[in-house]
Amino acid sequence: MAFYDEMAAMALEMITEFGQPVTISKTTPGEYDPETGGDRPGATIEQTAQGILLDFTGQEFQNNSLINQGDKKLKIAAQGLKWGPELLNKVVVQGRTWSIVPPLKEVNPAGTPILYELQVRS
């Protein structure tokens, strides 16, 4: 298991050196308010990660019909994250807000998250 911990540390180091900070945010649902008869607003929590924003290649467009024009590939180092990215989360990269769309891939050998590969759309 120590080997994969070292790989996760190396991934974080490389992405920090060649990538940029990424803010991942998620909104937790609000609770029911009996006084108003509706839901209270949910809370938004954020965390900063290290990521690399890339364009999809022409080959990837040919092989995957779920990629839209303008979609990007975002690779995020998993080490140090409080929680992993999920499909309903938002990410802010270079001052632009992106939604995470399927597929969301997690590189997780032997139960040690190393990297998340996301498809993002603005």
PDB file of N, CA and C in Angstrom:
ATOM      1  N   MET A   1       0.818  -1.188   0.000  1.00  0.00           N
ATOM      2  CA  MET A   1       0.000   0.000   0.000  1.00  0.00           C
ATOM      3  C   MET A   1       0.862   1.252   0.000  1.00  0.00           C
ATOM      4  N   ALA A   2       2.049   1.173   0.578  1.00  0.00           N
ATOM      5  CA  ALA A   2       2.946   2.327   0.615  1.00  0.00           C
ATOM      6  C   ALA A   2       3.320   2.769  -0.799  1.00  0.00           C
ATOM      7  N   PHE A   3       3.418   1.815  -1.727  1.00  0.00           N
ATOM      8  CA  PHE A   3       3.741   2.149  -3.109  1.00  0.00           C
ATOM      9  C   PHE A   3       2.702   3.103  -3.694  1.00  0.00           C
ATOM     10  N   TYR A   4       1.419   2.805  -3.502  1.00  0.00           N
ATOM     11  CA  TYR A   4       0.363   3.655  -4.058  1.00  0.00           C
ATOM     12  C   TYR A   4       0.271   4.992  -3.335  1.00  0.00           C
ATOM     13  N   ASP A   5       0.610   5.024  -2.060  1.00  0.00           N
ATOM     14  CA  ASP A   5       0.678   6.297  -1.348  1.00  0.00           C
ATOM     15  C   ASP A   5       1.766   7.183  -1.958  1.00  0.00           C
ATOM     16  N   GLU A   6       2.898   6.563  -2.308  1.00  0.00           N
ATOM     17  CA  GLU A   6       3.976   7.304  -2.968  1.00  0.00           C
ATOM     18  C   GLU A   6       3.534   7.791  -4.341  1.00  0.00           C
ATOM     19  N   MET A   7       2.769   6.988  -5.071  1.00  0.00           N
ATOM     20  CA  MET A   7       2.268   7.398  -6.390  1.00  0.00           C
ATOM     21  C   MET A   7       1.302   8.583  -6.260  1.00  0.00           C
ATOM     22  N   ALA A   8       0.462   8.559  -5.237  1.00  0.00           N
ATOM     23  CA  ALA A   8      -0.467   9.664  -5.002  1.00  0.00           C
ATOM     24  C   ALA A   8       0.305  10.943  -4.675  1.00  0.00           C
ATOM     25  N   ALA A   9       1.353  10.828  -3.877  1.00  0.00           N
ATOM     26  CA  ALA A   9       2.182  11.990  -3.542  1.00  0.00           C
ATOM     27  C   ALA A   9       2.892  12.520  -4.784  1.00  0.00           C
ATOM     28  N   MET A  10       3.369  11.611  -5.622  1.00  0.00           N
ATOM     29  CA  MET A  10       4.046  12.027  -6.852  1.00  0.00           C
ATOM     30  C   MET A  10       3.071  12.711  -7.807  1.00  0.00           C
ATOM     31  N   ALA A  11       1.860  12.177  -7.919  1.00  0.00           N
ATOM     32  CA  ALA A  11       0.847  12.803  -8.776  1.00  0.00           C
ATOM     33  C   ALA A  11       0.547  14.218  -8.296  1.00  0.00           C
ATOM     34  N   LEU A  12       0.386  14.392  -6.990  1.00  0.00           N
ATOM     35  CA  LEU A  12       0.132  15.722  -6.437  1.00  0.00           C
ATOM     36  C   LEU A  12       1.299  16.658  -6.714  1.00  0.00           C
ATOM     37  N   GLU A  13       2.509  16.171  -6.536  1.00  0.00           N
ATOM     38  CA  GLU A  13       3.694  16.995  -6.771  1.00  0.00           C
ATOM     39  C   GLU A  13       3.781  17.443  -8.233  1.00  0.00           C
ATOM     40  N   MET A  14       3.575  16.533  -9.161  1.00  0.00           N
ATOM     41  CA  MET A  14       3.664  16.855 -10.591  1.00  0.00           C
ATOM     42  C   MET A  14       2.544  17.800 -11.026  1.00  0.00           C
ATOM     43  N   ILE A  15       1.331  17.540 -10.565  1.00  0.00           N
ATOM     44  CA  ILE A  15       0.206  18.393 -10.952  1.00  0.00           C
ATOM     45  C   ILE A  15       0.341  19.773 -10.321  1.00  0.00           C
ATOM     46  N   THR A  16       0.879  19.847  -9.107  1.00  0.00           N
ATOM     47  CA  THR A  16       1.115  21.146  -8.481  1.00  0.00           C
ATOM     48  C   THR A  16       2.151  21.932  -9.275  1.00  0.00           C
ATOM     49  N   GLU A  17       3.197  21.248  -9.740  1.00  0.00           N
ATOM     50  CA  GLU A  17       4.256  21.926 -10.483  1.00  0.00           C
ATOM     51  C   GLU A  17       3.783  22.408 -11.854  1.00  0.00           C
ATOM     52  N   PHE A  18       3.030  21.583 -12.555  1.00  0.00           N
ATOM     53  CA  PHE A  18       2.670  21.907 -13.932  1.00  0.00           C
ATOM     54  C   PHE A  18       1.214  22.344 -14.104  1.00  0.00           C
ATOM     55  N   GLY A  19       0.420  22.247 -13.050  1.00  0.00           N
ATOM     56  CA  GLY A  19      -0.998  22.588 -13.148  1.00  0.00           C
ATOM     57  C   GLY A  19      -1.314  23.908 -12.482  1.00  0.00           C
ATOM     58  N   GLN A  20      -2.499  23.968 -11.894  1.00  0.00           N
ATOM     59  CA  GLN A  20      -2.985  25.191 -11.279  1.00  0.00           C
ATOM     60  C   GLN A  20      -4.000  24.858 -10.198  1.00  0.00           C
ATOM     61  N   PRO A  21      -4.281  25.810  -9.307  1.00  0.00           N
ATOM     62  CA  PRO A  21      -5.306  25.569  -8.288  1.00  0.00           C
ATOM     63  C   PRO A  21      -6.696  25.469  -8.921  1.00  0.00           C
ATOM     64  N   VAL A  22      -7.490  24.589  -8.370  1.00  0.00           N
ATOM     65  CA  VAL A  22      -8.858  24.358  -8.814  1.00  0.00           C
ATOM     66  C   VAL A  22      -9.742  24.384  -7.565  1.00  0.00           C
ATOM     67  N   THR A  23     -10.861  25.084  -7.640  1.00  0.00           N
ATOM     68  CA  THR A  23     -11.808  25.090  -6.529  1.00  0.00           C
ATOM     69  C   THR A  23     -12.960  24.154  -6.862  1.00  0.00           C
ATOM     70  N   ILE A  24     -13.201  23.200  -5.985  1.00  0.00           N
ATOM     71  CA  ILE A  24     -14.320  22.268  -6.143  1.00  0.00           C
ATOM     72  C   ILE A  24     -15.365  22.666  -5.113  1.00  0.00           C
ATOM     73  N   SER A  25     -16.613  22.837  -5.561  1.00  0.00           N
ATOM     74  CA  SER A  25     -17.674  23.198  -4.612  1.00  0.00           C
ATOM     75  C   SER A  25     -18.852  22.259  -4.768  1.00  0.00           C
ATOM     76  N   LYS A  26     -19.478  21.999  -3.628  1.00  0.00           N
ATOM     77  CA  LYS A  26     -20.700  21.198  -3.650  1.00  0.00           C
ATOM     78  C   LYS A  26     -21.700  21.834  -2.703  1.00  0.00           C
ATOM     79  N   THR A  27     -22.955  21.690  -3.047  1.00  0.00           N
ATOM     80  CA  THR A  27     -24.036  22.248  -2.242  1.00  0.00           C
ATOM     81  C   THR A  27     -24.769  21.103  -1.569  1.00  0.00           C
ATOM     82  N   THR A  28     -24.849  21.187  -0.255  1.00  0.00           N
ATOM     83  CA  THR A  28     -25.608  20.181   0.483  1.00  0.00           C
ATOM     84  C   THR A  28     -27.069  20.625   0.502  1.00  0.00           C
ATOM     85  N   PRO A  29     -27.996  19.711   0.362  1.00  0.00           N
ATOM     86  CA  PRO A  29     -29.406  20.104   0.320  1.00  0.00           C
ATOM     87  C   PRO A  29     -29.871  20.700   1.651  1.00  0.00           C
ATOM     88  N   GLY A  30     -30.785  21.647   1.542  1.00  0.00           N
ATOM     89  CA  GLY A  30     -31.353  22.250   2.742  1.00  0.00           C
ATOM     90  C   GLY A  30     -32.385  21.342   3.385  1.00  0.00           C
ATOM     91  N   GLU A  31     -32.680  21.603   4.636  1.00  0.00           N
ATOM     92  CA  GLU A  31     -33.659  20.808   5.369  1.00  0.00           C
ATOM     93  C   GLU A  31     -35.035  21.451   5.251  1.00  0.00           C
ATOM     94  N   TYR A  32     -36.038  20.656   5.493  1.00  0.00           N
ATOM     95  CA  TYR A  32     -37.413  21.134   5.445  1.00  0.00           C
ATOM     96  C   TYR A  32     -37.656  22.114   6.593  1.00  0.00           C
ATOM     97  N   ASP A  33     -38.299  23.249   6.267  1.00  0.00           N
ATOM     98  CA  ASP A  33     -38.637  24.267   7.266  1.00  0.00           C
ATOM     99  C   ASP A  33     -40.146  24.255   7.459  1.00  0.00           C
ATOM    100  N   PRO A  34     -40.649  23.750   8.600  1.00  0.00           N
ATOM    101  CA  PRO A  34     -42.092  23.663   8.802  1.00  0.00           C
ATOM    102  C   PRO A  34     -42.771  25.029   8.900  1.00  0.00           C
ATOM    103  N   GLU A  35     -42.036  26.066   9.275  1.00  0.00           N
ATOM    104  CA  GLU A  35     -42.630  27.400   9.377  1.00  0.00           C
ATOM    105  C   GLU A  35     -42.985  27.977   8.015  1.00  0.00           C
ATOM    106  N   THR A  36     -42.133  27.738   7.027  1.00  0.00           N
ATOM    107  CA  THR A  36     -42.394  28.274   5.685  1.00  0.00           C
ATOM    108  C   THR A  36     -43.037  27.239   4.771  1.00  0.00           C
ATOM    109  N   GLY A  37     -42.952  25.973   5.150  1.00  0.00           N
ATOM    110  CA  GLY A  37     -43.509  24.919   4.312  1.00  0.00           C
ATOM    111  C   GLY A  37     -42.600  24.563   3.146  1.00  0.00           C
ATOM    112  N   GLY A  38     -41.380  25.055   3.137  1.00  0.00           N
ATOM    113  CA  GLY A  38     -40.441  24.757   2.056  1.00  0.00           C
ATOM    114  C   GLY A  38     -39.090  24.358   2.618  1.00  0.00           C
ATOM    115  N   ASP A  39     -38.151  24.205   1.727  1.00  0.00           N
ATOM    116  CA  ASP A  39     -36.800  23.832   2.141  1.00  0.00           C
ATOM    117  C   ASP A  39     -35.970  25.073   2.439  1.00  0.00           C
ATOM    118  N   ARG A  40     -35.118  24.955   3.432  1.00  0.00           N
ATOM    119  CA  ARG A  40     -34.130  25.998   3.700  1.00  0.00           C
ATOM    120  C   ARG A  40     -33.053  25.890   2.622  1.00  0.00           C
ATOM    121  N   PRO A  41     -32.378  26.980   2.324  1.00  0.00           N
ATOM    122  CA  PRO A  41     -31.306  26.889   1.326  1.00  0.00           C
ATOM    123  C   PRO A  41     -30.180  25.983   1.819  1.00  0.00           C
ATOM    124  N   GLY A  42     -29.568  25.290   0.896  1.00  0.00           N
ATOM    125  CA  GLY A  42     -28.465  24.411   1.244  1.00  0.00           C
ATOM    126  C   GLY A  42     -27.183  25.191   1.461  1.00  0.00           C
ATOM    127  N   ALA A  43     -26.235  24.563   2.071  1.00  0.00           N
ATOM    128  CA  ALA A  43     -24.935  25.168   2.314  1.00  0.00           C
ATOM    129  C   ALA A  43     -23.959  24.732   1.226  1.00  0.00           C
ATOM    130  N   THR A  44     -23.122  25.656   0.789  1.00  0.00           N
ATOM    131  CA  THR A  44     -22.098  25.348  -0.200  1.00  0.00           C
ATOM    132  C   THR A  44     -20.759  25.234   0.503  1.00  0.00           C
ATOM    133  N   ILE A  45     -20.071  24.123   0.258  1.00  0.00           N
ATOM    134  CA  ILE A  45     -18.737  23.952   0.820  1.00  0.00           C
ATOM    135  C   ILE A  45     -17.739  23.848  -0.327  1.00  0.00           C
ATOM    136  N   GLU A  46     -16.543  24.354  -0.081  1.00  0.00           N
ATOM    137  CA  GLU A  46     -15.513  24.383  -1.112  1.00  0.00           C
ATOM    138  C   GLU A  46     -14.212  23.789  -0.595  1.00  0.00           C
ATOM    139  N   GLN A  47     -13.423  23.320  -1.533  1.00  0.00           N
ATOM    140  CA  GLN A  47     -12.066  22.903  -1.225  1.00  0.00           C
ATOM    141  C   GLN A  47     -11.191  23.229  -2.427  1.00  0.00           C
ATOM    142  N   THR A  48      -9.930  23.463  -2.157  1.00  0.00           N
ATOM    143  CA  THR A  48      -8.980  23.760  -3.230  1.00  0.00           C
ATOM    144  C   THR A  48      -8.184  22.508  -3.535  1.00  0.00           C
ATOM    145  N   ALA A  49      -8.028  22.250  -4.819  1.00  0.00           N
ATOM    146  CA  ALA A  49      -7.278  21.090  -5.282  1.00  0.00           C
ATOM    147  C   ALA A  49      -6.254  21.573  -6.312  1.00  0.00           C
ATOM    148  N   GLN A  50      -5.439  20.664  -6.774  1.00  0.00           N
ATOM    149  CA  GLN A  50      -4.489  20.951  -7.844  1.00  0.00           C
ATOM    150  C   GLN A  50      -4.932  20.178  -9.078  1.00  0.00           C
ATOM    151  N   GLY A  51      -4.992  20.878 -10.227  1.00  0.00           N
ATOM    152  CA  GLY A  51      -5.470  20.222 -11.430  1.00  0.00           C
ATOM    153  C   GLY A  51      -4.804  20.717 -12.693  1.00  0.00           C
ATOM    154  N   ILE A  52      -5.027  19.986 -13.750  1.00  0.00           N
ATOM    155  CA  ILE A  52      -4.544  20.342 -15.081  1.00  0.00           C
ATOM    156  C   ILE A  52      -5.745  20.308 -16.016  1.00  0.00           C
ATOM    157  N   LEU A  53      -6.009  21.425 -16.690  1.00  0.00           N
ATOM    158  CA  LEU A  53      -7.125  21.548 -17.634  1.00  0.00           C
ATOM    159  C   LEU A  53      -6.587  21.313 -19.042  1.00  0.00           C
ATOM    160  N   LEU A  54      -7.161  20.336 -19.734  1.00  0.00           N
ATOM    161  CA  LEU A  54      -6.686  19.938 -21.057  1.00  0.00           C
ATOM    162  C   LEU A  54      -7.821  19.925 -22.070  1.00  0.00           C
ATOM    163  N   ASP A  55      -7.464  20.083 -23.344  1.00  0.00           N
ATOM    164  CA  ASP A  55      -8.424  19.902 -24.426  1.00  0.00           C
ATOM    165  C   ASP A  55      -8.526  18.416 -24.749  1.00  0.00           C
ATOM    166  N   PHE A  56      -9.687  18.009 -25.239  1.00  0.00           N
ATOM    167  CA  PHE A  56      -9.827  16.649 -25.751  1.00  0.00           C
ATOM    168  C   PHE A  56      -9.165  16.585 -27.119  1.00  0.00           C
ATOM    169  N   THR A  57      -8.625  15.439 -27.465  1.00  0.00           N
ATOM    170  CA  THR A  57      -7.988  15.268 -28.766  1.00  0.00           C
ATOM    171  C   THR A  57      -9.047  14.922 -29.815  1.00  0.00           C
ATOM    172  N   GLY A  58      -8.677  15.048 -31.071  1.00  0.00           N
ATOM    173  CA  GLY A  58      -9.580  14.677 -32.155  1.00  0.00           C
ATOM    174  C   GLY A  58      -9.981  13.220 -32.086  1.00  0.00           C
ATOM    175  N   GLN A  59      -9.043  12.370 -31.691  1.00  0.00           N
ATOM    176  CA  GLN A  59      -9.328  10.938 -31.560  1.00  0.00           C
ATOM    177  C   GLN A  59     -10.381  10.697 -30.482  1.00  0.00           C
ATOM    178  N   GLU A  60     -10.297  11.438 -29.374  1.00  0.00           N
ATOM    179  CA  GLU A  60     -11.286  11.280 -28.307  1.00  0.00           C
ATOM    180  C   GLU A  60     -12.667  11.723 -28.778  1.00  0.00           C
ATOM    181  N   PHE A  61     -12.739  12.782 -29.586  1.00  0.00           N
ATOM    182  CA  PHE A  61     -14.027  13.209 -30.137  1.00  0.00           C
ATOM    183  C   PHE A  61     -14.614  12.129 -31.032  1.00  0.00           C
ATOM    184  N   GLN A  62     -13.787  11.466 -31.820  1.00  0.00           N
ATOM    185  CA  GLN A  62     -14.274  10.416 -32.714  1.00  0.00           C
ATOM    186  C   GLN A  62     -14.771   9.205 -31.938  1.00  0.00           C
ATOM    187  N   ASN A  63     -14.108   8.886 -30.845  1.00  0.00           N
ATOM    188  CA  ASN A  63     -14.430   7.676 -30.091  1.00  0.00           C
ATOM    189  C   ASN A  63     -15.529   7.866 -29.055  1.00  0.00           C
ATOM    190  N   ASN A  64     -15.870   9.112 -28.711  1.00  0.00           N
ATOM    191  CA  ASN A  64     -16.824   9.350 -27.634  1.00  0.00           C
ATOM    192  C   ASN A  64     -17.821  10.416 -28.066  1.00  0.00           C
ATOM    193  N   SER A  65     -19.032  10.004 -28.350  1.00  0.00           N
ATOM    194  CA  SER A  65     -20.051  10.944 -28.816  1.00  0.00           C
ATOM    195  C   SER A  65     -20.624  11.799 -27.684  1.00  0.00           C
ATOM    196  N   LEU A  66     -20.219  11.553 -26.427  1.00  0.00           N
ATOM    197  CA  LEU A  66     -20.715  12.342 -25.297  1.00  0.00           C
ATOM    198  C   LEU A  66     -19.921  13.618 -25.078  1.00  0.00           C
ATOM    199  N   ILE A  67     -18.848  13.817 -25.826  1.00  0.00           N
ATOM    200  CA  ILE A  67     -18.036  15.019 -25.698  1.00  0.00           C
ATOM    201  C   ILE A  67     -18.622  16.098 -26.602  1.00  0.00           C
ATOM    202  N   ASN A  68     -18.956  17.237 -26.014  1.00  0.00           N
ATOM    203  CA  ASN A  68     -19.468  18.378 -26.778  1.00  0.00           C
ATOM    204  C   ASN A  68     -18.338  19.337 -27.101  1.00  0.00           C
ATOM    205  N   GLN A  69     -18.546  20.137 -28.131  1.00  0.00           N
ATOM    206  CA  GLN A  69     -17.579  21.177 -28.470  1.00  0.00           C
ATOM    207  C   GLN A  69     -17.434  22.104 -27.268  1.00  0.00           C
ATOM    208  N   GLY A  70     -16.222  22.390 -26.860  1.00  0.00           N
ATOM    209  CA  GLY A  70     -15.976  23.254 -25.708  1.00  0.00           C
ATOM    210  C   GLY A  70     -15.750  22.506 -24.406  1.00  0.00           C
ATOM    211  N   ASP A  71     -16.060  21.212 -24.367  1.00  0.00           N
ATOM    212  CA  ASP A  71     -15.780  20.415 -23.168  1.00  0.00           C
ATOM    213  C   ASP A  71     -14.275  20.315 -22.970  1.00  0.00           C
ATOM    214  N   LYS A  72     -13.876  20.171 -21.718  1.00  0.00           N
ATOM    215  CA  LYS A  72     -12.459  20.029 -21.374  1.00  0.00           C
ATOM    216  C   LYS A  72     -12.277  18.810 -20.490  1.00  0.00           C
ATOM    217  N   LYS A  73     -11.042  18.355 -20.434  1.00  0.00           N
ATOM    218  CA  LYS A  73     -10.658  17.263 -19.548  1.00  0.00           C
ATOM    219  C   LYS A  73      -9.912  17.909 -18.379  1.00  0.00           C
ATOM    220  N   LEU A  74     -10.304  17.566 -17.159  1.00  0.00           N
ATOM    221  CA  LEU A  74      -9.660  18.108 -15.969  1.00  0.00           C
ATOM    222  C   LEU A  74      -9.129  16.949 -15.146  1.00  0.00           C
ATOM    223  N   LYS A  75      -7.823  16.950 -14.903  1.00  0.00           N
ATOM    224  CA  LYS A  75      -7.201  15.922 -14.068  1.00  0.00           C
ATOM    225  C   LYS A  75      -6.857  16.562 -12.733  1.00  0.00           C
ATOM    226  N   ILE A  76      -7.334  15.956 -11.660  1.00  0.00           N
ATOM    227  CA  ILE A  76      -7.155  16.490 -10.307  1.00  0.00           C
ATOM    228  C   ILE A  76      -6.426  15.463  -9.458  1.00  0.00           C
ATOM    229  N   ALA A  77      -5.385  15.921  -8.746  1.00  0.00           N
ATOM    230  CA  ALA A  77      -4.669  15.051  -7.809  1.00  0.00           C
ATOM    231  C   ALA A  77      -5.580  14.740  -6.634  1.00  0.00           C
ATOM    232  N   ALA A  78      -5.637  13.479  -6.244  1.00  0.00           N
ATOM    233  CA  ALA A  78      -6.548  13.044  -5.181  1.00  0.00           C
ATOM    234  C   ALA A  78      -5.991  13.261  -3.785  1.00  0.00           C
ATOM    235  N   GLN A  79      -4.676  13.240  -3.646  1.00  0.00           N
ATOM    236  CA  GLN A  79      -4.084  13.326  -2.308  1.00  0.00           C
ATOM    237  C   GLN A  79      -4.391  14.686  -1.672  1.00  0.00           C
ATOM    238  N   GLY A  80      -4.812  14.646  -0.425  1.00  0.00           N
ATOM    239  CA  GLY A  80      -5.097  15.865   0.323  1.00  0.00           C
ATOM    240  C   GLY A  80      -6.525  16.358   0.218  1.00  0.00           C
ATOM    241  N   LEU A  81      -7.339  15.739  -0.627  1.00  0.00           N
ATOM    242  CA  LEU A  81      -8.730  16.171  -0.744  1.00  0.00           C
ATOM    243  C   LEU A  81      -9.535  15.660   0.444  1.00  0.00           C
ATOM    244  N   LYS A  82     -10.458  16.497   0.931  1.00  0.00           N
ATOM    245  CA  LYS A  82     -11.352  16.080   2.016  1.00  0.00           C
ATOM    246  C   LYS A  82     -12.421  15.140   1.483  1.00  0.00           C
ATOM    247  N   TRP A  83     -12.846  15.365   0.241  1.00  0.00           N
ATOM    248  CA  TRP A  83     -13.851  14.540  -0.428  1.00  0.00           C
ATOM    249  C   TRP A  83     -13.568  14.577  -1.925  1.00  0.00           C
ATOM    250  N   GLY A  84     -13.907  13.491  -2.595  1.00  0.00           N
ATOM    251  CA  GLY A  84     -13.680  13.399  -4.029  1.00  0.00           C
ATOM    252  C   GLY A  84     -14.753  14.136  -4.810  1.00  0.00           C
ATOM    253  N   PRO A  85     -14.439  14.599  -6.025  1.00  0.00           N
ATOM    254  CA  PRO A  85     -15.433  15.277  -6.847  1.00  0.00           C
ATOM    255  C   PRO A  85     -16.568  14.334  -7.243  1.00  0.00           C
ATOM    256  N   GLU A  86     -17.763  14.906  -7.362  1.00  0.00           N
ATOM    257  CA  GLU A  86     -18.959  14.149  -7.753  1.00  0.00           C
ATOM    258  C   GLU A  86     -19.629  14.865  -8.923  1.00  0.00           C
ATOM    259  N   LEU A  87     -20.551  14.183  -9.571  1.00  0.00           N
ATOM    260  CA  LEU A  87     -21.159  14.717 -10.786  1.00  0.00           C
ATOM    261  C   LEU A  87     -21.914  16.029 -10.583  1.00  0.00           C
ATOM    262  N   LEU A  88     -22.487  16.281  -9.424  1.00  0.00           N
ATOM    263  CA  LEU A  88     -23.253  17.509  -9.222  1.00  0.00           C
ATOM    264  C   LEU A  88     -22.399  18.659  -8.695  1.00  0.00           C
ATOM    265  N   ASN A  89     -21.103  18.435  -8.529  1.00  0.00           N
ATOM    266  CA  ASN A  89     -20.208  19.494  -8.069  1.00  0.00           C
ATOM    267  C   ASN A  89     -19.899  20.466  -9.193  1.00  0.00           C
ATOM    268  N   LYS A  90     -19.403  21.624  -8.812  1.00  0.00           N
ATOM    269  CA  LYS A  90     -18.909  22.632  -9.759  1.00  0.00           C
ATOM    270  C   LYS A  90     -17.418  22.794  -9.510  1.00  0.00           C
ATOM    271  N   VAL A  91     -16.699  23.150 -10.551  1.00  0.00           N
ATOM    272  CA  VAL A  91     -15.278  23.450 -10.404  1.00  0.00           C
ATOM    273  C   VAL A  91     -15.006  24.817 -11.014  1.00  0.00           C
ATOM    274  N   VAL A  92     -14.106  25.547 -10.388  1.00  0.00           N
ATOM    275  CA  VAL A  92     -13.685  26.837 -10.919  1.00  0.00           C
ATOM    276  C   VAL A  92     -12.218  26.719 -11.282  1.00  0.00           C
ATOM    277  N   VAL A  93     -11.939  26.935 -12.570  1.00  0.00           N
ATOM    278  CA  VAL A  93     -10.582  26.874 -13.089  1.00  0.00           C
ATOM    279  C   VAL A  93     -10.371  28.120 -13.933  1.00  0.00           C
ATOM    280  N   GLN A  94      -9.297  28.831 -13.697  1.00  0.00           N
ATOM    281  CA  GLN A  94      -8.968  30.041 -14.453  1.00  0.00           C
ATOM    282  C   GLN A  94     -10.114  31.045 -14.424  1.00  0.00           C
ATOM    283  N   GLY A  95     -10.793  31.139 -13.282  1.00  0.00           N
ATOM    284  CA  GLY A  95     -11.878  32.100 -13.124  1.00  0.00           C
ATOM    285  C   GLY A  95     -13.177  31.730 -13.815  1.00  0.00           C
ATOM    286  N   ARG A  96     -13.261  30.557 -14.360  1.00  0.00           N
ATOM    287  CA  ARG A  96     -14.456  30.102 -15.090  1.00  0.00           C
ATOM    288  C   ARG A  96     -15.078  28.928 -14.346  1.00  0.00           C
ATOM    289  N   THR A  97     -16.408  28.925 -14.249  1.00  0.00           N
ATOM    290  CA  THR A  97     -17.113  27.852 -13.548  1.00  0.00           C
ATOM    291  C   THR A  97     -17.520  26.769 -14.544  1.00  0.00           C
ATOM    292  N   TRP A  98     -17.234  25.540 -14.178  1.00  0.00           N
ATOM    293  CA  TRP A  98     -17.515  24.369 -15.019  1.00  0.00           C
ATOM    294  C   TRP A  98     -18.382  23.385 -14.241  1.00  0.00           C
ATOM    295  N   SER A  99     -19.255  22.693 -14.951  1.00  0.00           N
ATOM    296  CA  SER A  99     -20.030  21.590 -14.381  1.00  0.00           C
ATOM    297  C   SER A  99     -19.337  20.284 -14.740  1.00  0.00           C
ATOM    298  N   ILE A 100     -19.409  19.329 -13.838  1.00  0.00           N
ATOM    299  CA  ILE A 100     -18.851  18.001 -14.097  1.00  0.00           C
ATOM    300  C   ILE A 100     -19.927  17.162 -14.766  1.00  0.00           C
ATOM    301  N   VAL A 101     -19.578  16.566 -15.901  1.00  0.00           N
ATOM    302  CA  VAL A 101     -20.520  15.713 -16.625  1.00  0.00           C
ATOM    303  C   VAL A 101     -19.925  14.300 -16.709  1.00  0.00           C
ATOM    304  N   PRO A 102     -20.774  13.292 -16.887  1.00  0.00           N
ATOM    305  CA  PRO A 102     -20.239  11.930 -16.997  1.00  0.00           C
ATOM    306  C   PRO A 102     -19.363  11.808 -18.244  1.00  0.00           C
ATOM    307  N   PRO A 103     -18.332  11.015 -18.217  1.00  0.00           N
ATOM    308  CA  PRO A 103     -17.923  10.112 -17.153  1.00  0.00           C
ATOM    309  C   PRO A 103     -16.972  10.783 -16.167  1.00  0.00           C
ATOM    310  N   LEU A 104     -17.005  10.333 -14.951  1.00  0.00           N
ATOM    311  CA  LEU A 104     -16.079  10.757 -13.904  1.00  0.00           C
ATOM    312  C   LEU A 104     -15.243   9.529 -13.564  1.00  0.00           C
ATOM    313  N   LYS A 105     -13.946   9.625 -13.799  1.00  0.00           N
ATOM    314  CA  LYS A 105     -13.075   8.466 -13.580  1.00  0.00           C
ATOM    315  C   LYS A 105     -12.193   8.711 -12.365  1.00  0.00           C
ATOM    316  N   GLU A 106     -12.012   7.669 -11.573  1.00  0.00           N
ATOM    317  CA  GLU A 106     -11.121   7.711 -10.423  1.00  0.00           C
ATOM    318  C   GLU A 106     -10.049   6.641 -10.605  1.00  0.00           C
ATOM    319  N   VAL A 107      -8.799   7.056 -10.608  1.00  0.00           N
ATOM    320  CA  VAL A 107      -7.695   6.104 -10.631  1.00  0.00           C
ATOM    321  C   VAL A 107      -7.451   5.740  -9.178  1.00  0.00           C
ATOM    322  N   ASN A 108      -7.770   4.473  -8.829  1.00  0.00           N
ATOM    323  CA  ASN A 108      -7.820   4.066  -7.436  1.00  0.00           C
ATOM    324  C   ASN A 108      -7.328   2.621  -7.288  1.00  0.00           C
ATOM    325  N   PRO A 109      -6.034   2.384  -7.537  1.00  0.00           N
ATOM    326  CA  PRO A 109      -5.556   1.014  -7.381  1.00  0.00           C
ATOM    327  C   PRO A 109      -5.433   0.642  -5.909  1.00  0.00           C
ATOM    328  N   ALA A 110      -5.874  -0.516  -5.570  1.00  0.00           N
ATOM    329  CA  ALA A 110      -5.765  -1.055  -4.210  1.00  0.00           C
ATOM    330  C   ALA A 110      -6.387  -0.142  -3.161  1.00  0.00           C
ATOM    331  N   GLY A 111      -7.427   0.607  -3.551  1.00  0.00           N
ATOM    332  CA  GLY A 111      -8.144   1.444  -2.587  1.00  0.00           C
ATOM    333  C   GLY A 111      -7.470   2.756  -2.240  1.00  0.00           C
ATOM    334  N   THR A 112      -6.450   3.160  -2.980  1.00  0.00           N
ATOM    335  CA  THR A 112      -5.760   4.423  -2.734  1.00  0.00           C
ATOM    336  C   THR A 112      -6.038   5.371  -3.893  1.00  0.00           C
ATOM    337  N   PRO A 113      -6.906   6.385  -3.712  1.00  0.00           N
ATOM    338  CA  PRO A 113      -7.160   7.333  -4.802  1.00  0.00           C
ATOM    339  C   PRO A 113      -5.881   8.091  -5.165  1.00  0.00           C
ATOM    340  N   ILE A 114      -5.584   8.134  -6.459  1.00  0.00           N
ATOM    341  CA  ILE A 114      -4.396   8.826  -6.949  1.00  0.00           C
ATOM    342  C   ILE A 114      -4.786  10.040  -7.773  1.00  0.00           C
ATOM    343  N   LEU A 115      -5.791   9.871  -8.646  1.00  0.00           N
ATOM    344  CA  LEU A 115      -6.126  10.908  -9.610  1.00  0.00           C
ATOM    345  C   LEU A 115      -7.600  10.807  -9.994  1.00  0.00           C
ATOM    346  N   TYR A 116      -8.225  11.959 -10.212  1.00  0.00           N
ATOM    347  CA  TYR A 116      -9.577  12.004 -10.763  1.00  0.00           C
ATOM    348  C   TYR A 116      -9.487  12.618 -12.157  1.00  0.00           C
ATOM    349  N   GLU A 117     -10.139  11.995 -13.114  1.00  0.00           N
ATOM    350  CA  GLU A 117     -10.219  12.544 -14.464  1.00  0.00           C
ATOM    351  C   GLU A 117     -11.674  12.900 -14.744  1.00  0.00           C
ATOM    352  N   LEU A 118     -11.917  14.176 -14.955  1.00  0.00           N
ATOM    353  CA  LEU A 118     -13.270  14.676 -15.121  1.00  0.00           C
ATOM    354  C   LEU A 118     -13.469  15.223 -16.522  1.00  0.00           C
ATOM    355  N   GLN A 119     -14.691  15.142 -17.005  1.00  0.00           N
ATOM    356  CA  GLN A 119     -15.105  15.862 -18.193  1.00  0.00           C
ATOM    357  C   GLN A 119     -15.914  17.042 -17.677  1.00  0.00           C
ATOM    358  N   VAL A 120     -15.511  18.268 -18.061  1.00  0.00           N
ATOM    359  CA  VAL A 120     -16.184  19.460 -17.548  1.00  0.00           C
ATOM    360  C   VAL A 120     -16.750  20.268 -18.710  1.00  0.00           C
ATOM    361  N   ARG A 121     -17.836  20.979 -18.400  1.00  0.00           N
ATOM    362  CA  ARG A 121     -18.554  21.761 -19.420  1.00  0.00           C
ATOM    363  C   ARG A 121     -18.963  23.088 -18.795  1.00  0.00           C
ATOM    364  N   SER A 122     -18.768  24.172 -19.548  1.00  0.00           N
ATOM    365  CA  SER A 122     -19.171  25.484 -19.013  1.00  0.00           C
ATOM    366  C   SER A 122     -20.484  25.936 -19.606  1.00  0.00           C
TER     367      SER A 122
END
